[in-house]
Amino acid sequence: MTSSVRSVLILVGFAVIGAYGLAELRGPQGLPALKEKWTEIRQLEEENANLQRENDYRRDRIKKLESSPSEQELEIRKKLKLLRPGETSFILPEQPKLDQPKLDQPTPASLDTPQDPDSK
């Protein structure tokens, strides 16, 4: 075999390997899947950090309750809804959420659309 034929075969081999590698990277198990896994890992790390902060808060709260009788009393009174003699408790109605319309009020979308198709 001559050296020029051998060079052409090597170049063709590299081209085939390069095309196969490019097809694999662009396929469903390639770069898109890798990016999806990175996103999932980032979300799970954020969730773990949030859970760790919540655990730390609860540990601190437990330590406060164990060491402070006044904290214990406040927690018990809050849970059991107890009052001391002479105290007054006010129960306020819940405020409606801003992003949810009340059921008895029409939404802006329902004001724009006619209720009866024959009304126009």
C-alpha atoms as a PDB file:
ATOM      1  CA  MET A   1       0.000   0.000   0.000  1.00  0.00           C
ATOM      2  CA  THR A   2       1.240   3.381  -0.840  1.00  0.00           C
ATOM      3  CA  SER A   3       1.550   6.145   1.699  1.00  0.00           C
ATOM      4  CA  SER A   4      -1.103   8.318  -0.006  1.00  0.00           C
ATOM      5  CA  VAL A   5      -3.714   5.534   0.176  1.00  0.00           C
ATOM      6  CA  ARG A   6      -2.831   4.936   3.804  1.00  0.00           C
ATOM      7  CA  SER A   7      -3.202   8.686   4.552  1.00  0.00           C
ATOM      8  CA  VAL A   8      -6.617   8.769   2.858  1.00  0.00           C
ATOM      9  CA  LEU A   9      -7.785   5.730   4.852  1.00  0.00           C
ATOM     10  CA  ILE A  10      -6.627   7.334   8.107  1.00  0.00           C
ATOM     11  CA  LEU A  11      -8.437  10.580   7.242  1.00  0.00           C
ATOM     12  CA  VAL A  12     -11.618   8.675   6.355  1.00  0.00           C
ATOM     13  CA  GLY A  13     -11.357   6.741   9.630  1.00  0.00           C
ATOM     14  CA  PHE A  14     -11.015   9.965  11.636  1.00  0.00           C
ATOM     15  CA  ALA A  15     -13.935  11.501   9.726  1.00  0.00           C
ATOM     16  CA  VAL A  16     -16.140   8.490  10.504  1.00  0.00           C
ATOM     17  CA  ILE A  17     -15.150   8.565  14.174  1.00  0.00           C
ATOM     18  CA  GLY A  18     -15.745  12.330  14.310  1.00  0.00           C
ATOM     19  CA  ALA A  19     -19.183  12.023  12.667  1.00  0.00           C
ATOM     20  CA  TYR A  20     -20.158   9.238  15.070  1.00  0.00           C
ATOM     21  CA  GLY A  21     -19.004  11.309  18.059  1.00  0.00           C
ATOM     22  CA  LEU A  22     -20.950  14.351  16.852  1.00  0.00           C
ATOM     23  CA  ALA A  23     -24.088  12.272  16.290  1.00  0.00           C
ATOM     24  CA  GLU A  24     -23.826  10.805  19.803  1.00  0.00           C
ATOM     25  CA  LEU A  25     -23.299  14.208  21.426  1.00  0.00           C
ATOM     26  CA  ARG A  26     -26.309  15.711  19.658  1.00  0.00           C
ATOM     27  CA  GLY A  27     -28.536  12.665  20.252  1.00  0.00           C
ATOM     28  CA  PRO A  28     -31.033  12.192  23.104  1.00  0.00           C
ATOM     29  CA  GLN A  29     -28.414  10.655  25.403  1.00  0.00           C
ATOM     30  CA  GLY A  30     -25.789  13.292  24.621  1.00  0.00           C
ATOM     31  CA  LEU A  31     -25.514  16.943  25.601  1.00  0.00           C
ATOM     32  CA  PRO A  32     -29.279  17.533  26.153  1.00  0.00           C
ATOM     33  CA  ALA A  33     -29.408  14.696  28.675  1.00  0.00           C
ATOM     34  CA  LEU A  34     -26.262  15.989  30.365  1.00  0.00           C
ATOM     35  CA  LYS A  35     -27.748  19.481  30.656  1.00  0.00           C
ATOM     36  CA  GLU A  36     -30.973  18.008  32.080  1.00  0.00           C
ATOM     37  CA  LYS A  37     -28.991  16.053  34.685  1.00  0.00           C
ATOM     38  CA  TRP A  38     -27.068  19.189  35.696  1.00  0.00           C
ATOM     39  CA  THR A  39     -30.348  21.075  36.119  1.00  0.00           C
ATOM     40  CA  GLU A  40     -31.773  18.240  38.212  1.00  0.00           C
ATOM     41  CA  ILE A  41     -28.638  18.144  40.366  1.00  0.00           C
ATOM     42  CA  ARG A  42     -28.821  21.911  40.921  1.00  0.00           C
ATOM     43  CA  GLN A  43     -32.492  21.683  41.954  1.00  0.00           C
ATOM     44  CA  LEU A  44     -31.790  18.814  44.349  1.00  0.00           C
ATOM     45  CA  GLU A  45     -28.865  20.713  45.892  1.00  0.00           C
ATOM     46  CA  GLU A  46     -31.113  23.743  46.451  1.00  0.00           C
ATOM     47  CA  GLU A  47     -33.778  21.520  48.007  1.00  0.00           C
ATOM     48  CA  ASN A  48     -31.166  19.928  50.266  1.00  0.00           C
ATOM     49  CA  ALA A  49     -29.931  23.364  51.342  1.00  0.00           C
ATOM     50  CA  ASN A  50     -33.496  24.459  52.144  1.00  0.00           C
ATOM     51  CA  LEU A  51     -34.121  21.295  54.146  1.00  0.00           C
ATOM     52  CA  GLN A  52     -30.843  21.784  56.011  1.00  0.00           C
ATOM     53  CA  ARG A  53     -31.841  25.360  56.930  1.00  0.00           C
ATOM     54  CA  GLU A  54     -35.225  24.103  58.118  1.00  0.00           C
ATOM     55  CA  ASN A  55     -33.553  21.391  60.210  1.00  0.00           C
ATOM     56  CA  ASP A  56     -31.207  23.950  61.765  1.00  0.00           C
ATOM     57  CA  TYR A  57     -34.142  26.229  62.590  1.00  0.00           C
ATOM     58  CA  ARG A  58     -36.038  23.358  64.205  1.00  0.00           C
ATOM     59  CA  ARG A  59     -32.983  22.291  66.230  1.00  0.00           C
ATOM     60  CA  ASP A  60     -32.559  25.855  67.492  1.00  0.00           C
ATOM     61  CA  ARG A  61     -36.268  26.034  68.330  1.00  0.00           C
ATOM     62  CA  ILE A  62     -36.067  22.773  70.283  1.00  0.00           C
ATOM     63  CA  LYS A  63     -33.015  24.037  72.190  1.00  0.00           C
ATOM     64  CA  LYS A  64     -34.878  27.246  73.061  1.00  0.00           C
ATOM     65  CA  LEU A  65     -37.885  25.278  74.262  1.00  0.00           C
ATOM     66  CA  GLU A  66     -35.712  22.951  76.345  1.00  0.00           C
ATOM     67  CA  SER A  67     -33.786  25.756  78.020  1.00  0.00           C
ATOM     68  CA  SER A  68     -36.392  28.497  78.495  1.00  0.00           C
ATOM     69  CA  PRO A  69     -39.513  28.011  80.628  1.00  0.00           C
ATOM     70  CA  SER A  70     -41.041  31.202  79.232  1.00  0.00           C
ATOM     71  CA  GLU A  71     -40.666  29.863  75.659  1.00  0.00           C
ATOM     72  CA  GLN A  72     -42.288  26.616  76.785  1.00  0.00           C
ATOM     73  CA  GLU A  73     -45.189  28.509  78.330  1.00  0.00           C
ATOM     74  CA  LEU A  74     -45.714  30.610  75.207  1.00  0.00           C
ATOM     75  CA  GLU A  75     -45.678  27.542  72.969  1.00  0.00           C
ATOM     76  CA  ILE A  76     -48.117  25.655  75.187  1.00  0.00           C
ATOM     77  CA  ARG A  77     -50.450  28.634  75.399  1.00  0.00           C
ATOM     78  CA  LYS A  78     -50.332  29.071  71.641  1.00  0.00           C
ATOM     79  CA  LYS A  79     -50.994  25.381  70.904  1.00  0.00           C
ATOM     80  CA  LEU A  80     -53.777  24.993  73.449  1.00  0.00           C
ATOM     81  CA  LYS A  81     -55.143  28.519  72.895  1.00  0.00           C
ATOM     82  CA  LEU A  82     -55.030  29.309  76.592  1.00  0.00           C
ATOM     83  CA  LEU A  83     -55.310  32.767  78.135  1.00  0.00           C
ATOM     84  CA  ARG A  84     -54.236  34.109  81.493  1.00  0.00           C
ATOM     85  CA  PRO A  85     -56.890  35.721  83.682  1.00  0.00           C
ATOM     86  CA  GLY A  86     -57.588  39.232  82.434  1.00  0.00           C
ATOM     87  CA  GLU A  87     -56.157  38.656  78.932  1.00  0.00           C
ATOM     88  CA  THR A  88     -58.286  39.246  75.855  1.00  0.00           C
ATOM     89  CA  SER A  89     -57.908  37.342  72.609  1.00  0.00           C
ATOM     90  CA  PHE A  90     -58.879  38.819  69.255  1.00  0.00           C
ATOM     91  CA  ILE A  91     -59.705  36.494  66.373  1.00  0.00           C
ATOM     92  CA  LEU A  92     -59.408  38.256  63.041  1.00  0.00           C
ATOM     93  CA  PRO A  93     -60.891  36.950  59.784  1.00  0.00           C
ATOM     94  CA  GLU A  94     -58.426  35.656  57.239  1.00  0.00           C
ATOM     95  CA  GLN A  95     -57.457  38.118  54.540  1.00  0.00           C
ATOM     96  CA  PRO A  96     -58.226  37.021  50.957  1.00  0.00           C
ATOM     97  CA  LYS A  97     -55.208  36.227  48.861  1.00  0.00           C
ATOM     98  CA  LEU A  98     -54.436  38.785  46.174  1.00  0.00           C
ATOM     99  CA  ASP A  99     -53.747  36.299  43.370  1.00  0.00           C
ATOM    100  CA  GLN A 100     -57.010  34.357  43.801  1.00  0.00           C
ATOM    101  CA  PRO A 101     -60.330  36.034  42.996  1.00  0.00           C
ATOM    102  CA  LYS A 102     -63.247  35.524  45.335  1.00  0.00           C
ATOM    103  CA  LEU A 103     -65.847  33.052  44.156  1.00  0.00           C
ATOM    104  CA  ASP A 104     -68.736  35.531  44.325  1.00  0.00           C
ATOM    105  CA  GLN A 105     -66.927  38.212  42.293  1.00  0.00           C
ATOM    106  CA  PRO A 106     -66.573  37.905  38.504  1.00  0.00           C
ATOM    107  CA  THR A 107     -63.076  37.624  37.114  1.00  0.00           C
ATOM    108  CA  PRO A 108     -61.871  40.136  34.498  1.00  0.00           C
ATOM    109  CA  ALA A 109     -61.946  37.394  31.841  1.00  0.00           C
ATOM    110  CA  SER A 110     -65.586  36.598  32.565  1.00  0.00           C
ATOM    111  CA  LEU A 111     -66.490  40.270  32.172  1.00  0.00           C
ATOM    112  CA  ASP A 112     -65.083  40.348  28.628  1.00  0.00           C
ATOM    113  CA  THR A 113     -66.811  37.226  27.378  1.00  0.00           C
ATOM    114  CA  PRO A 114     -70.597  37.136  27.073  1.00  0.00           C
ATOM    115  CA  GLN A 115     -72.348  34.473  29.116  1.00  0.00           C
ATOM    116  CA  ASP A 116     -75.028  33.810  26.490  1.00  0.00           C
ATOM    117  CA  PRO A 117     -73.858  33.351  22.880  1.00  0.00           C
ATOM    118  CA  ASP A 118     -77.186  34.876  21.606  1.00  0.00           C
ATOM    119  CA  SER A 119     -76.639  38.103  23.563  1.00  0.00           C
ATOM    120  CA  LYS A 120     -74.434  39.694  20.837  1.00  0.00           C
END
